[in-house]
């Protein structure tokens, strides 16, 4: 696991193929608990191409000098991502 927030990633390789390709990440919080949102793509073996962009929010806890993932929320579609944005913007405007 990673010792710093900057080292955290969702990139994953299996059999020489990058099956999860991290495109970007934003660190939302740092410290003993870190929150990171990632933009990524999954490899589709059948089609031999990457999926449309996906998003996931991960929470990590630092223990014994290393971050360990404690929870995650996968945003299932672009539509759901936009609905989350609309809800947050509405609440923040109040």
N, C-alpha and C. Protein backbone atom coordinates (compact mmCIF):
# COMPACT_ATOMS: atom_id res chain seq x y z
N UNK A 1 0.84 -1.20 0.00
CA UNK A 1 0.00 0.00 0.00
C UNK A 1 0.88 1.25 0.00
N UNK A 2 0.26 2.37 -0.12
CA UNK A 2 0.97 3.64 -0.26
C UNK A 2 1.26 4.28 1.10
N UNK A 3 2.38 4.97 1.15
CA UNK A 3 2.75 5.71 2.37
C UNK A 3 2.25 7.15 2.33
N UNK A 4 2.02 7.68 1.12
CA UNK A 4 1.51 9.05 0.98
C UNK A 4 0.24 9.03 0.13
N UNK A 5 -0.57 10.08 0.27
CA UNK A 5 -1.81 10.19 -0.50
C UNK A 5 -1.49 10.23 -1.99
N UNK A 6 -0.41 10.89 -2.35
CA UNK A 6 -0.04 11.02 -3.75
C UNK A 6 0.26 9.67 -4.41
N UNK A 7 0.66 8.69 -3.64
CA UNK A 7 0.97 7.35 -4.16
C UNK A 7 -0.27 6.50 -4.38
N UNK A 8 -1.40 6.87 -3.79
CA UNK A 8 -2.62 6.07 -3.91
C UNK A 8 -3.09 6.04 -5.37
N UNK A 9 -3.59 4.89 -5.79
CA UNK A 9 -4.04 4.74 -7.18
C UNK A 9 -5.08 3.63 -7.28
N UNK A 10 -5.87 3.67 -8.34
CA UNK A 10 -6.79 2.56 -8.64
C UNK A 10 -6.27 1.74 -9.81
N UNK A 11 -5.14 2.14 -10.38
CA UNK A 11 -4.54 1.41 -11.50
C UNK A 11 -4.31 -0.04 -11.07
N UNK A 12 -4.68 -0.95 -11.97
CA UNK A 12 -4.51 -2.37 -11.67
C UNK A 12 -4.08 -3.09 -12.94
N UNK A 13 -3.10 -3.96 -12.79
CA UNK A 13 -2.60 -4.73 -13.94
C UNK A 13 -2.79 -6.22 -13.66
N UNK A 14 -3.23 -6.94 -14.69
CA UNK A 14 -3.45 -8.38 -14.58
C UNK A 14 -2.96 -9.04 -15.85
N UNK A 15 -1.99 -9.91 -15.71
CA UNK A 15 -1.48 -10.63 -16.88
C UNK A 15 -0.84 -9.72 -17.92
N UNK A 16 -0.21 -8.66 -17.45
CA UNK A 16 0.45 -7.74 -18.37
C UNK A 16 -0.48 -6.74 -19.03
N UNK A 17 -1.78 -6.76 -18.65
CA UNK A 17 -2.75 -5.82 -19.21
C UNK A 17 -3.22 -4.89 -18.10
N UNK A 18 -3.21 -3.61 -18.38
CA UNK A 18 -3.72 -2.63 -17.41
C UNK A 18 -5.25 -2.71 -17.45
N UNK A 19 -5.84 -3.46 -16.52
CA UNK A 19 -7.28 -3.70 -16.54
C UNK A 19 -8.07 -2.55 -15.93
N UNK A 20 -7.43 -1.75 -15.07
CA UNK A 20 -8.03 -0.52 -14.56
C UNK A 20 -7.01 0.58 -14.83
N UNK A 21 -7.40 1.53 -15.67
CA UNK A 21 -6.50 2.62 -16.05
C UNK A 21 -6.96 3.92 -15.40
N UNK A 22 -6.17 4.42 -14.47
CA UNK A 22 -6.48 5.68 -13.81
C UNK A 22 -6.21 6.84 -14.78
N UNK A 23 -7.22 7.70 -14.97
CA UNK A 23 -7.07 8.85 -15.86
C UNK A 23 -6.76 10.12 -15.09
N UNK A 24 -7.30 10.22 -13.88
CA UNK A 24 -7.10 11.42 -13.06
C UNK A 24 -7.54 11.12 -11.65
N UNK A 25 -7.10 11.94 -10.72
CA UNK A 25 -7.57 11.83 -9.34
C UNK A 25 -7.51 13.19 -8.68
N UNK A 26 -8.39 13.39 -7.74
CA UNK A 26 -8.42 14.61 -6.94
C UNK A 26 -8.43 14.18 -5.47
N UNK A 27 -7.51 14.70 -4.70
CA UNK A 27 -7.46 14.41 -3.28
C UNK A 27 -8.40 15.39 -2.60
N UNK A 28 -9.43 14.86 -1.95
CA UNK A 28 -10.42 15.71 -1.28
C UNK A 28 -10.03 16.01 0.16
N UNK A 29 -9.44 15.04 0.86
CA UNK A 29 -8.94 15.26 2.21
C UNK A 29 -7.66 14.46 2.41
N UNK A 30 -6.80 14.99 3.28
CA UNK A 30 -5.54 14.32 3.64
C UNK A 30 -5.51 14.15 5.15
N UNK A 31 -4.59 13.35 5.62
CA UNK A 31 -4.42 13.16 7.05
C UNK A 31 -4.53 11.69 7.40
N UNK A 32 -4.92 11.42 8.66
CA UNK A 32 -5.08 10.04 9.11
C UNK A 32 -6.15 9.33 8.28
N UNK A 33 -7.14 10.09 7.84
CA UNK A 33 -8.17 9.59 6.91
C UNK A 33 -8.06 10.42 5.65
N UNK A 34 -7.98 9.77 4.51
CA UNK A 34 -7.88 10.46 3.23
C UNK A 34 -9.07 10.07 2.36
N UNK A 35 -9.55 11.04 1.59
CA UNK A 35 -10.64 10.80 0.64
C UNK A 35 -10.15 11.22 -0.74
N UNK A 36 -10.32 10.32 -1.71
CA UNK A 36 -9.83 10.58 -3.06
C UNK A 36 -10.93 10.19 -4.05
N UNK A 37 -11.14 11.04 -5.06
CA UNK A 37 -12.05 10.69 -6.15
C UNK A 37 -11.20 10.43 -7.39
N UNK A 38 -11.51 9.34 -8.06
CA UNK A 38 -10.75 8.92 -9.24
C UNK A 38 -11.63 8.90 -10.48
N UNK A 39 -11.01 9.22 -11.60
CA UNK A 39 -11.61 9.01 -12.92
C UNK A 39 -10.80 7.89 -13.57
N UNK A 40 -11.49 6.86 -14.06
CA UNK A 40 -10.77 5.70 -14.56
C UNK A 40 -11.56 5.00 -15.67
N UNK A 41 -10.92 4.02 -16.29
CA UNK A 41 -11.55 3.17 -17.30
C UNK A 41 -11.20 1.71 -17.01
N UNK A 42 -12.15 0.82 -17.27
CA UNK A 42 -11.93 -0.62 -17.17
C UNK A 42 -11.63 -1.19 -18.55
N UNK A 43 -10.77 -2.21 -18.59
CA UNK A 43 -10.47 -2.90 -19.83
C UNK A 43 -11.53 -3.96 -20.09
N UNK A 44 -12.11 -3.92 -21.29
CA UNK A 44 -13.08 -4.92 -21.70
C UNK A 44 -12.35 -5.94 -22.56
N UNK A 45 -12.13 -7.13 -21.98
CA UNK A 45 -11.35 -8.16 -22.69
C UNK A 45 -12.05 -8.62 -23.98
N UNK A 46 -13.37 -8.74 -23.93
CA UNK A 46 -14.11 -9.22 -25.10
C UNK A 46 -13.99 -8.26 -26.27
N UNK A 47 -14.12 -6.97 -26.00
CA UNK A 47 -14.06 -5.96 -27.06
C UNK A 47 -12.63 -5.46 -27.31
N UNK A 48 -11.72 -5.79 -26.39
CA UNK A 48 -10.34 -5.32 -26.44
C UNK A 48 -10.27 -3.80 -26.55
N UNK A 49 -11.02 -3.15 -25.64
CA UNK A 49 -11.01 -1.69 -25.56
C UNK A 49 -11.38 -1.27 -24.15
N UNK A 50 -11.09 -0.02 -23.84
CA UNK A 50 -11.43 0.52 -22.53
C UNK A 50 -12.87 1.02 -22.50
N UNK A 51 -13.47 0.95 -21.34
CA UNK A 51 -14.84 1.40 -21.13
C UNK A 51 -14.91 2.92 -21.19
N UNK A 52 -16.14 3.46 -21.26
CA UNK A 52 -16.28 4.91 -21.05
C UNK A 52 -15.76 5.25 -19.66
N UNK A 53 -15.51 6.53 -19.42
CA UNK A 53 -15.00 6.97 -18.13
C UNK A 53 -15.95 6.56 -17.00
N UNK A 54 -15.34 6.16 -15.89
CA UNK A 54 -16.06 5.83 -14.67
C UNK A 54 -15.45 6.63 -13.53
N UNK A 55 -16.14 6.66 -12.39
CA UNK A 55 -15.68 7.45 -11.25
C UNK A 55 -15.87 6.64 -9.98
N UNK A 56 -14.95 6.82 -9.04
CA UNK A 56 -15.07 6.16 -7.75
C UNK A 56 -14.51 7.06 -6.66
N UNK A 57 -15.14 7.03 -5.51
CA UNK A 57 -14.67 7.78 -4.34
C UNK A 57 -14.17 6.74 -3.34
N UNK A 58 -12.94 6.90 -2.88
CA UNK A 58 -12.34 5.95 -1.94
C UNK A 58 -11.92 6.66 -0.66
N UNK A 59 -12.13 5.95 0.46
CA UNK A 59 -11.68 6.44 1.77
C UNK A 59 -10.57 5.52 2.25
N UNK A 60 -9.51 6.12 2.73
CA UNK A 60 -8.35 5.38 3.22
C UNK A 60 -8.04 5.80 4.65
N UNK A 61 -7.55 4.86 5.43
CA UNK A 61 -7.07 5.15 6.78
C UNK A 61 -5.59 4.83 6.83
N UNK A 62 -4.82 5.75 7.45
CA UNK A 62 -3.39 5.51 7.56
C UNK A 62 -3.12 4.77 8.86
N UNK A 63 -2.54 3.59 8.73
CA UNK A 63 -2.18 2.75 9.88
C UNK A 63 -0.78 2.20 9.68
N UNK A 64 0.02 2.29 10.71
CA UNK A 64 1.40 1.79 10.65
C UNK A 64 2.14 2.35 9.44
N UNK A 65 1.88 3.63 9.15
CA UNK A 65 2.61 4.33 8.10
C UNK A 65 2.13 4.07 6.68
N UNK A 66 1.06 3.28 6.52
CA UNK A 66 0.55 2.99 5.18
C UNK A 66 -0.96 3.21 5.11
N UNK A 67 -1.42 3.69 3.95
CA UNK A 67 -2.86 3.87 3.74
C UNK A 67 -3.51 2.55 3.36
N UNK A 68 -4.63 2.27 4.01
CA UNK A 68 -5.42 1.08 3.70
C UNK A 68 -6.82 1.52 3.31
N UNK A 69 -7.33 0.98 2.21
CA UNK A 69 -8.68 1.33 1.78
C UNK A 69 -9.70 0.81 2.78
N UNK A 70 -10.63 1.69 3.18
CA UNK A 70 -11.66 1.30 4.14
C UNK A 70 -13.05 1.28 3.51
N UNK A 71 -13.28 2.11 2.51
CA UNK A 71 -14.59 2.10 1.85
C UNK A 71 -14.46 2.70 0.46
N UNK A 72 -15.49 2.43 -0.35
CA UNK A 72 -15.52 3.00 -1.70
C UNK A 72 -16.96 3.15 -2.15
N UNK A 73 -17.16 4.10 -3.04
CA UNK A 73 -18.45 4.31 -3.67
C UNK A 73 -18.19 4.47 -5.16
N UNK A 74 -18.74 3.57 -5.96
CA UNK A 74 -18.59 3.65 -7.41
C UNK A 74 -19.78 4.39 -7.99
N UNK A 75 -19.50 5.41 -8.77
CA UNK A 75 -20.55 6.15 -9.47
C UNK A 75 -20.80 5.37 -10.76
N UNK A 76 -22.02 4.86 -10.88
CA UNK A 76 -22.31 3.83 -11.88
C UNK A 76 -22.46 4.34 -13.31
N UNK A 77 -22.67 5.63 -13.50
CA UNK A 77 -22.86 6.14 -14.86
C UNK A 77 -22.63 7.64 -14.89
N UNK A 78 -22.50 8.15 -16.11
CA UNK A 78 -22.37 9.60 -16.28
C UNK A 78 -23.63 10.29 -15.77
N UNK A 79 -24.79 9.66 -15.99
CA UNK A 79 -26.06 10.21 -15.53
C UNK A 79 -26.06 10.35 -14.00
N UNK A 80 -25.62 9.32 -13.31
CA UNK A 80 -25.58 9.39 -11.85
C UNK A 80 -24.60 10.47 -11.39
N UNK A 81 -23.47 10.60 -12.05
CA UNK A 81 -22.49 11.64 -11.70
C UNK A 81 -23.12 13.02 -11.82
N UNK A 82 -23.86 13.25 -12.90
CA UNK A 82 -24.51 14.55 -13.09
C UNK A 82 -25.59 14.79 -12.04
N UNK A 83 -26.32 13.74 -11.64
CA UNK A 83 -27.34 13.89 -10.60
C UNK A 83 -26.72 14.24 -9.25
N UNK A 84 -25.56 13.67 -8.96
CA UNK A 84 -24.84 14.00 -7.73
C UNK A 84 -24.42 15.47 -7.76
N UNK A 85 -23.91 15.92 -8.90
CA UNK A 85 -23.49 17.33 -9.04
C UNK A 85 -24.68 18.26 -8.82
N UNK A 86 -25.82 17.96 -9.43
CA UNK A 86 -27.01 18.80 -9.30
C UNK A 86 -27.47 18.85 -7.84
N UNK A 87 -27.49 17.71 -7.17
CA UNK A 87 -27.90 17.68 -5.76
C UNK A 87 -26.96 18.52 -4.90
N UNK A 88 -25.67 18.36 -5.07
CA UNK A 88 -24.70 19.13 -4.27
C UNK A 88 -24.79 20.62 -4.55
N UNK A 89 -24.91 20.98 -5.83
CA UNK A 89 -25.04 22.40 -6.16
C UNK A 89 -26.29 23.00 -5.55
N UNK A 90 -27.39 22.25 -5.54
CA UNK A 90 -28.62 22.72 -4.94
C UNK A 90 -28.48 22.93 -3.44
N UNK A 91 -27.87 21.98 -2.77
CA UNK A 91 -27.68 22.11 -1.34
C UNK A 91 -26.74 23.25 -0.97
N UNK A 92 -25.68 23.42 -1.77
CA UNK A 92 -24.71 24.47 -1.47
C UNK A 92 -25.27 25.86 -1.76
N UNK A 93 -26.26 25.95 -2.62
CA UNK A 93 -26.85 27.25 -2.96
C UNK A 93 -27.84 27.71 -1.88
N UNK A 94 -28.26 26.78 -1.02
CA UNK A 94 -29.25 27.13 0.02
C UNK A 94 -28.67 28.04 1.07
